[in-house]
PDB file of N, CA and C in Angstrom:
ATOM      1  N   UNK A   1     -13.627  14.300  33.689  1.00  0.00           N
ATOM      2  CA  UNK A   1     -13.546  14.686  32.302  1.00  0.00           C
ATOM      3  C   UNK A   1     -13.244  13.431  31.487  1.00  0.00           C
ATOM      4  N   UNK A   2     -14.034  13.166  30.518  1.00  0.00           N
ATOM      5  CA  UNK A   2     -13.883  11.975  29.700  1.00  0.00           C
ATOM      6  C   UNK A   2     -13.072  12.313  28.459  1.00  0.00           C
ATOM      7  N   UNK A   3     -12.178  11.412  28.124  1.00  0.00           N
ATOM      8  CA  UNK A   3     -11.382  11.594  26.912  1.00  0.00           C
ATOM      9  C   UNK A   3     -12.101  10.924  25.762  1.00  0.00           C
ATOM     10  N   UNK A   4     -12.206  11.612  24.703  1.00  0.00           N
ATOM     11  CA  UNK A   4     -12.886  11.063  23.550  1.00  0.00           C
ATOM     12  C   UNK A   4     -11.860  10.879  22.440  1.00  0.00           C
ATOM     13  N   UNK A   5     -11.791   9.679  21.905  1.00  0.00           N
ATOM     14  CA  UNK A   5     -10.841   9.384  20.853  1.00  0.00           C
ATOM     15  C   UNK A   5     -11.564   9.438  19.509  1.00  0.00           C
ATOM     16  N   UNK A   6     -11.045  10.210  18.627  1.00  0.00           N
ATOM     17  CA  UNK A   6     -11.651  10.304  17.304  1.00  0.00           C
ATOM     18  C   UNK A   6     -10.604   9.974  16.258  1.00  0.00           C
ATOM     19  N   UNK A   7     -11.035   9.360  15.238  1.00  0.00           N
ATOM     20  CA  UNK A   7     -10.142   9.090  14.107  1.00  0.00           C
ATOM     21  C   UNK A   7     -10.759   9.735  12.877  1.00  0.00           C
ATOM     22  N   UNK A   8      -9.917  10.339  12.108  1.00  0.00           N
ATOM     23  CA  UNK A   8     -10.387  10.991  10.894  1.00  0.00           C
ATOM     24  C   UNK A   8      -9.646  10.396   9.709  1.00  0.00           C
ATOM     25  N   UNK A   9     -10.342  10.128   8.649  1.00  0.00           N
ATOM     26  CA  UNK A   9      -9.649   9.622   7.462  1.00  0.00           C
ATOM     27  C   UNK A   9      -8.810  10.741   6.837  1.00  0.00           C
ATOM     28  N   UNK A  10      -7.802  10.333   6.086  1.00  0.00           N
ATOM     29  CA  UNK A  10      -6.966  11.311   5.389  1.00  0.00           C
ATOM     30  C   UNK A  10      -7.811  12.043   4.355  1.00  0.00           C
ATOM     31  N   UNK A  11      -7.516  13.306   4.129  1.00  0.00           N
ATOM     32  CA  UNK A  11      -8.266  14.057   3.114  1.00  0.00           C
ATOM     33  C   UNK A  11      -8.145  13.400   1.745  1.00  0.00           C
ATOM     34  N   UNK A  12      -9.143  13.598   0.940  1.00  0.00           N
ATOM     35  CA  UNK A  12      -9.194  12.997  -0.385  1.00  0.00           C
ATOM     36  C   UNK A  12      -7.939  13.355  -1.185  1.00  0.00           C
ATOM     37  N   UNK A  13      -7.212  12.349  -1.630  1.00  0.00           N
ATOM     38  CA  UNK A  13      -6.030  12.559  -2.458  1.00  0.00           C
ATOM     39  C   UNK A  13      -4.739  12.758  -1.689  1.00  0.00           C
ATOM     40  N   UNK A  14      -4.786  12.786  -0.361  1.00  0.00           N
ATOM     41  CA  UNK A  14      -3.572  13.043   0.417  1.00  0.00           C
ATOM     42  C   UNK A  14      -2.550  11.923   0.248  1.00  0.00           C
ATOM     43  N   UNK A  15      -3.005  10.690   0.220  1.00  0.00           N
ATOM     44  CA  UNK A  15      -2.083   9.563   0.074  1.00  0.00           C
ATOM     45  C   UNK A  15      -1.452   9.574  -1.311  1.00  0.00           C
ATOM     46  N   UNK A  16      -2.235   9.900  -2.311  1.00  0.00           N
ATOM     47  CA  UNK A  16      -1.705   9.976  -3.673  1.00  0.00           C
ATOM     48  C   UNK A  16      -0.648  11.073  -3.778  1.00  0.00           C
ATOM     49  N   UNK A  17      -0.918  12.211  -3.205  1.00  0.00           N
ATOM     50  CA  UNK A  17       0.053  13.314  -3.224  1.00  0.00           C
ATOM     51  C   UNK A  17       1.321  12.897  -2.501  1.00  0.00           C
ATOM     52  N   UNK A  18       1.186  12.211  -1.365  1.00  0.00           N
ATOM     53  CA  UNK A  18       2.351  11.741  -0.607  1.00  0.00           C
ATOM     54  C   UNK A  18       3.184  10.784  -1.453  1.00  0.00           C
ATOM     55  N   UNK A  19       2.532   9.867  -2.152  1.00  0.00           N
ATOM     56  CA  UNK A  19       3.268   8.904  -2.986  1.00  0.00           C
ATOM     57  C   UNK A  19       3.975   9.600  -4.150  1.00  0.00           C
ATOM     58  N   UNK A  20       3.343  10.587  -4.737  1.00  0.00           N
ATOM     59  CA  UNK A  20       3.971  11.328  -5.836  1.00  0.00           C
ATOM     60  C   UNK A  20       5.195  12.089  -5.337  1.00  0.00           C
ATOM     61  N   UNK A  21       5.062  12.751  -4.205  1.00  0.00           N
ATOM     62  CA  UNK A  21       6.186  13.489  -3.626  1.00  0.00           C
ATOM     63  C   UNK A  21       7.315  12.535  -3.260  1.00  0.00           C
ATOM     64  N   UNK A  22       6.986  11.389  -2.684  1.00  0.00           N
ATOM     65  CA  UNK A  22       7.998  10.391  -2.321  1.00  0.00           C
ATOM     66  C   UNK A  22       8.722   9.870  -3.565  1.00  0.00           C
ATOM     67  N   UNK A  23       7.967   9.642  -4.624  1.00  0.00           N
ATOM     68  CA  UNK A  23       8.570   9.160  -5.870  1.00  0.00           C
ATOM     69  C   UNK A  23       9.595  10.158  -6.403  1.00  0.00           C
ATOM     70  N   UNK A  24       9.195  11.426  -6.506  1.00  0.00           N
ATOM     71  CA  UNK A  24      10.116  12.427  -7.038  1.00  0.00           C
ATOM     72  C   UNK A  24      11.294  12.667  -6.105  1.00  0.00           C
ATOM     73  N   UNK A  25      11.074  12.518  -4.813  1.00  0.00           N
ATOM     74  CA  UNK A  25      12.173  12.639  -3.862  1.00  0.00           C
ATOM     75  C   UNK A  25      13.184  11.514  -4.059  1.00  0.00           C
ATOM     76  N   UNK A  26      12.697  10.290  -4.250  1.00  0.00           N
ATOM     77  CA  UNK A  26      13.615   9.173  -4.458  1.00  0.00           C
ATOM     78  C   UNK A  26      14.330   9.283  -5.799  1.00  0.00           C
ATOM     79  N   UNK A  27      13.656   9.794  -6.818  1.00  0.00           N
ATOM     80  CA  UNK A  27      14.314  10.011  -8.108  1.00  0.00           C
ATOM     81  C   UNK A  27      15.427  11.051  -7.959  1.00  0.00           C
ATOM     82  N   UNK A  28      15.155  12.113  -7.222  1.00  0.00           N
ATOM     83  CA  UNK A  28      16.177  13.133  -6.970  1.00  0.00           C
ATOM     84  C   UNK A  28      17.368  12.573  -6.220  1.00  0.00           C
ATOM     85  N   UNK A  29      17.106  11.720  -5.246  1.00  0.00           N
ATOM     86  CA  UNK A  29      18.194  11.088  -4.487  1.00  0.00           C
ATOM     87  C   UNK A  29      19.033  10.186  -5.389  1.00  0.00           C
ATOM     88  N   UNK A  30      18.375   9.419  -6.247  1.00  0.00           N
ATOM     89  CA  UNK A  30      19.105   8.537  -7.172  1.00  0.00           C
ATOM     90  C   UNK A  30      19.939   9.339  -8.171  1.00  0.00           C
ATOM     91  N   UNK A  31      19.386  10.436  -8.674  1.00  0.00           N
ATOM     92  CA  UNK A  31      20.143  11.275  -9.608  1.00  0.00           C
ATOM     93  C   UNK A  31      21.352  11.903  -8.928  1.00  0.00           C
ATOM     94  N   UNK A  32      21.195  12.309  -7.697  1.00  0.00           N
ATOM     95  CA  UNK A  32      22.304  12.891  -6.945  1.00  0.00           C
ATOM     96  C   UNK A  32      23.413  11.857  -6.723  1.00  0.00           C
ATOM     97  N   UNK A  33      23.034  10.639  -6.367  1.00  0.00           N
ATOM     98  CA  UNK A  33      24.028   9.572  -6.159  1.00  0.00           C
ATOM     99  C   UNK A  33      24.732   9.235  -7.470  1.00  0.00           C
ATOM    100  N   UNK A  34      23.984   9.190  -8.570  1.00  0.00           N
ATOM    101  CA  UNK A  34      24.583   8.907  -9.869  1.00  0.00           C
ATOM    102  C   UNK A  34      25.587   9.994 -10.246  1.00  0.00           C
ATOM    103  N   UNK A  35      25.220  11.248 -10.014  1.00  0.00           N
ATOM    104  CA  UNK A  35      26.113  12.354 -10.363  1.00  0.00           C
ATOM    105  C   UNK A  35      27.368  12.336  -9.500  1.00  0.00           C
ATOM    106  N   UNK A  36      27.238  12.038  -8.212  1.00  0.00           N
ATOM    107  CA  UNK A  36      28.407  11.939  -7.342  1.00  0.00           C
ATOM    108  C   UNK A  36      29.353  10.844  -7.824  1.00  0.00           C
ATOM    109  N   UNK A  37      28.793   9.691  -8.211  1.00  0.00           N
ATOM    110  CA  UNK A  37      29.623   8.592  -8.721  1.00  0.00           C
ATOM    111  C   UNK A  37      30.300   8.983 -10.028  1.00  0.00           C
ATOM    112  N   UNK A  38      29.596   9.698 -10.878  1.00  0.00           N
ATOM    113  CA  UNK A  38      30.156  10.143 -12.162  1.00  0.00           C
ATOM    114  C   UNK A  38      31.325  11.095 -11.952  1.00  0.00           C
ATOM    115  N   UNK A  39      31.153  12.038 -11.034  1.00  0.00           N
ATOM    116  CA  UNK A  39      32.219  13.008 -10.760  1.00  0.00           C
ATOM    117  C   UNK A  39      33.439  12.305 -10.161  1.00  0.00           C
ATOM    118  N   UNK A  40      33.199  11.390  -9.235  1.00  0.00           N
ATOM    119  CA  UNK A  40      34.295  10.645  -8.612  1.00  0.00           C
ATOM    120  C   UNK A  40      35.039   9.824  -9.663  1.00  0.00           C
ATOM    121  N   UNK A  41      34.284   9.119 -10.508  1.00  0.00           N
ATOM    122  CA  UNK A  41      34.895   8.293 -11.552  1.00  0.00           C
ATOM    123  C   UNK A  41      35.733   9.142 -12.487  1.00  0.00           C
ATOM    124  N   UNK A  42      35.200  10.267 -12.935  1.00  0.00           N
ATOM    125  CA  UNK A  42      35.944  11.136 -13.856  1.00  0.00           C
ATOM    126  C   UNK A  42      37.205  11.700 -13.208  1.00  0.00           C
ATOM    127  N   UNK A  43      37.115  12.060 -11.938  1.00  0.00           N
ATOM    128  CA  UNK A  43      38.286  12.605 -11.246  1.00  0.00           C
ATOM    129  C   UNK A  43      39.384  11.561 -11.103  1.00  0.00           C
ATOM    130  N   UNK A  44      39.000  10.337 -10.743  1.00  0.00           N
ATOM    131  CA  UNK A  44      40.009   9.286 -10.571  1.00  0.00           C
ATOM    132  C   UNK A  44      40.603   8.844 -11.904  1.00  0.00           C
ATOM    133  N   UNK A  45      39.800   8.874 -12.955  1.00  0.00           N
ATOM    134  CA  UNK A  45      40.311   8.459 -14.265  1.00  0.00           C
ATOM    135  C   UNK A  45      41.318   9.449 -14.835  1.00  0.00           C
ATOM    136  N   UNK A  46      41.329  10.683 -14.364  1.00  0.00           N
ATOM    137  CA  UNK A  46      42.303  11.654 -14.860  1.00  0.00           C
ATOM    138  C   UNK A  46      43.665  11.481 -14.205  1.00  0.00           C
ATOM    139  N   UNK A  47      43.730  10.733 -13.101  1.00  0.00           N
ATOM    140  CA  UNK A  47      45.002  10.528 -12.415  1.00  0.00           C
ATOM    141  C   UNK A  47      45.856   9.512 -13.164  1.00  0.00           C
ATOM    142  N   UNK A  48      47.162   9.679 -13.060  1.00  0.00           N
ATOM    143  CA  UNK A  48      48.073   8.721 -13.683  1.00  0.00           C
ATOM    144  C   UNK A  48      48.159   7.464 -12.812  1.00  0.00           C
ATOM    145  N   UNK A  49      48.740   6.410 -13.371  1.00  0.00           N
ATOM    146  CA  UNK A  49      48.902   5.169 -12.608  1.00  0.00           C
ATOM    147  C   UNK A  49      49.764   5.393 -11.376  1.00  0.00           C
ATOM    148  N   UNK A  50      50.772   6.234 -11.503  1.00  0.00           N
ATOM    149  CA  UNK A  50      51.648   6.524 -10.362  1.00  0.00           C
ATOM    150  C   UNK A  50      50.873   7.257  -9.261  1.00  0.00           C
ATOM    151  N   UNK A  51      50.048   8.223  -9.656  1.00  0.00           N
ATOM    152  CA  UNK A  51      49.252   8.959  -8.661  1.00  0.00           C
ATOM    153  C   UNK A  51      48.228   8.045  -7.978  1.00  0.00           C
ATOM    154  N   UNK A  52      47.627   7.153  -8.754  1.00  0.00           N
ATOM    155  CA  UNK A  52      46.695   6.191  -8.155  1.00  0.00           C
ATOM    156  C   UNK A  52      47.416   5.271  -7.175  1.00  0.00           C
ATOM    157  N   UNK A  53      48.643   4.845  -7.548  1.00  0.00           N
ATOM    158  CA  UNK A  53      49.429   3.993  -6.667  1.00  0.00           C
ATOM    159  C   UNK A  53      49.789   4.722  -5.374  1.00  0.00           C
ATOM    160  N   UNK A  54      50.033   6.026  -5.458  1.00  0.00           N
ATOM    161  CA  UNK A  54      50.353   6.813  -4.269  1.00  0.00           C
ATOM    162  C   UNK A  54      49.207   6.815  -3.258  1.00  0.00           C
ATOM    163  N   UNK A  55      47.979   6.756  -3.734  1.00  0.00           N
ATOM    164  CA  UNK A  55      46.845   6.749  -2.805  1.00  0.00           C
ATOM    165  C   UNK A  55      46.314   5.329  -2.562  1.00  0.00           C
ATOM    166  N   UNK A  56      47.049   4.341  -3.056  1.00  0.00           N
ATOM    167  CA  UNK A  56      46.718   2.947  -2.765  1.00  0.00           C
ATOM    168  C   UNK A  56      45.618   2.365  -3.626  1.00  0.00           C
ATOM    169  N   UNK A  57      45.489   2.856  -4.856  1.00  0.00           N
ATOM    170  CA  UNK A  57      44.461   2.351  -5.757  1.00  0.00           C
ATOM    171  C   UNK A  57      45.079   1.894  -7.071  1.00  0.00           C
ATOM    172  N   UNK A  58      44.324   1.124  -7.811  1.00  0.00           N
ATOM    173  CA  UNK A  58      44.703   0.785  -9.176  1.00  0.00           C
ATOM    174  C   UNK A  58      43.504   1.101 -10.066  1.00  0.00           C
ATOM    175  N   UNK A  59      43.702   1.039 -11.371  1.00  0.00           N
ATOM    176  CA  UNK A  59      42.616   1.383 -12.301  1.00  0.00           C
ATOM    177  C   UNK A  59      41.379   0.514 -12.091  1.00  0.00           C
ATOM    178  N   UNK A  60      41.577  -0.725 -11.693  1.00  0.00           N
ATOM    179  CA  UNK A  60      40.451  -1.626 -11.476  1.00  0.00           C
ATOM    180  C   UNK A  60      39.585  -1.253 -10.282  1.00  0.00           C
ATOM    181  N   UNK A  61      40.114  -0.424  -9.393  1.00  0.00           N
ATOM    182  CA  UNK A  61      39.364  -0.020  -8.198  1.00  0.00           C
ATOM    183  C   UNK A  61      38.448   1.179  -8.445  1.00  0.00           C
ATOM    184  N   UNK A  62      38.622   1.855  -9.557  1.00  0.00           N
ATOM    185  CA  UNK A  62      37.905   3.113  -9.784  1.00  0.00           C
ATOM    186  C   UNK A  62      36.389   2.907  -9.754  1.00  0.00           C
ATOM    187  N   UNK A  63      35.900   1.904 -10.460  1.00  0.00           N
ATOM    188  CA  UNK A  63      34.444   1.676 -10.512  1.00  0.00           C
ATOM    189  C   UNK A  63      33.890   1.324  -9.131  1.00  0.00           C
ATOM    190  N   UNK A  64      34.632   0.507  -8.370  1.00  0.00           N
ATOM    191  CA  UNK A  64      34.174   0.161  -7.017  1.00  0.00           C
ATOM    192  C   UNK A  64      34.144   1.379  -6.106  1.00  0.00           C
ATOM    193  N   UNK A  65      35.137   2.232  -6.230  1.00  0.00           N
ATOM    194  CA  UNK A  65      35.175   3.454  -5.420  1.00  0.00           C
ATOM    195  C   UNK A  65      34.006   4.358  -5.794  1.00  0.00           C
ATOM    196  N   UNK A  66      33.763   4.526  -7.082  1.00  0.00           N
ATOM    197  CA  UNK A  66      32.687   5.405  -7.558  1.00  0.00           C
ATOM    198  C   UNK A  66      31.325   4.914  -7.078  1.00  0.00           C
ATOM    199  N   UNK A  67      31.134   3.623  -7.012  1.00  0.00           N
ATOM    200  CA  UNK A  67      29.850   3.068  -6.578  1.00  0.00           C
ATOM    201  C   UNK A  67      29.766   2.908  -5.061  1.00  0.00           C
ATOM    202  N   UNK A  68      30.849   3.224  -4.361  1.00  0.00           N
ATOM    203  CA  UNK A  68      30.834   3.184  -2.898  1.00  0.00           C
ATOM    204  C   UNK A  68      30.983   1.789  -2.322  1.00  0.00           C
ATOM    205  N   UNK A  69      31.535   0.861  -3.090  1.00  0.00           N
ATOM    206  CA  UNK A  69      31.703  -0.505  -2.603  1.00  0.00           C
ATOM    207  C   UNK A  69      32.949  -0.672  -1.754  1.00  0.00           C
ATOM    208  N   UNK A  70      33.896   0.231  -1.899  1.00  0.00           N
ATOM    209  CA  UNK A  70      35.134   0.144  -1.110  1.00  0.00           C
ATOM    210  C   UNK A  70      35.151   1.276  -0.119  1.00  0.00           C
TER     211      UNK A  70
END
């Protein structure tokens, strides 16, 4: 029995549809990350200096924490 290898091109427009879906998926991921950082920043900014000190942070650390750098 002989094996026959065939290659078929992608259907017309399939690559374009894939790129559009990928674009909107990445936009959704970026919006989700932005919203998570916003919520974290707002929550930490409501804490007093004493409460921030209790968890080992200062006001200058809030932006780094929100962006995930620390």
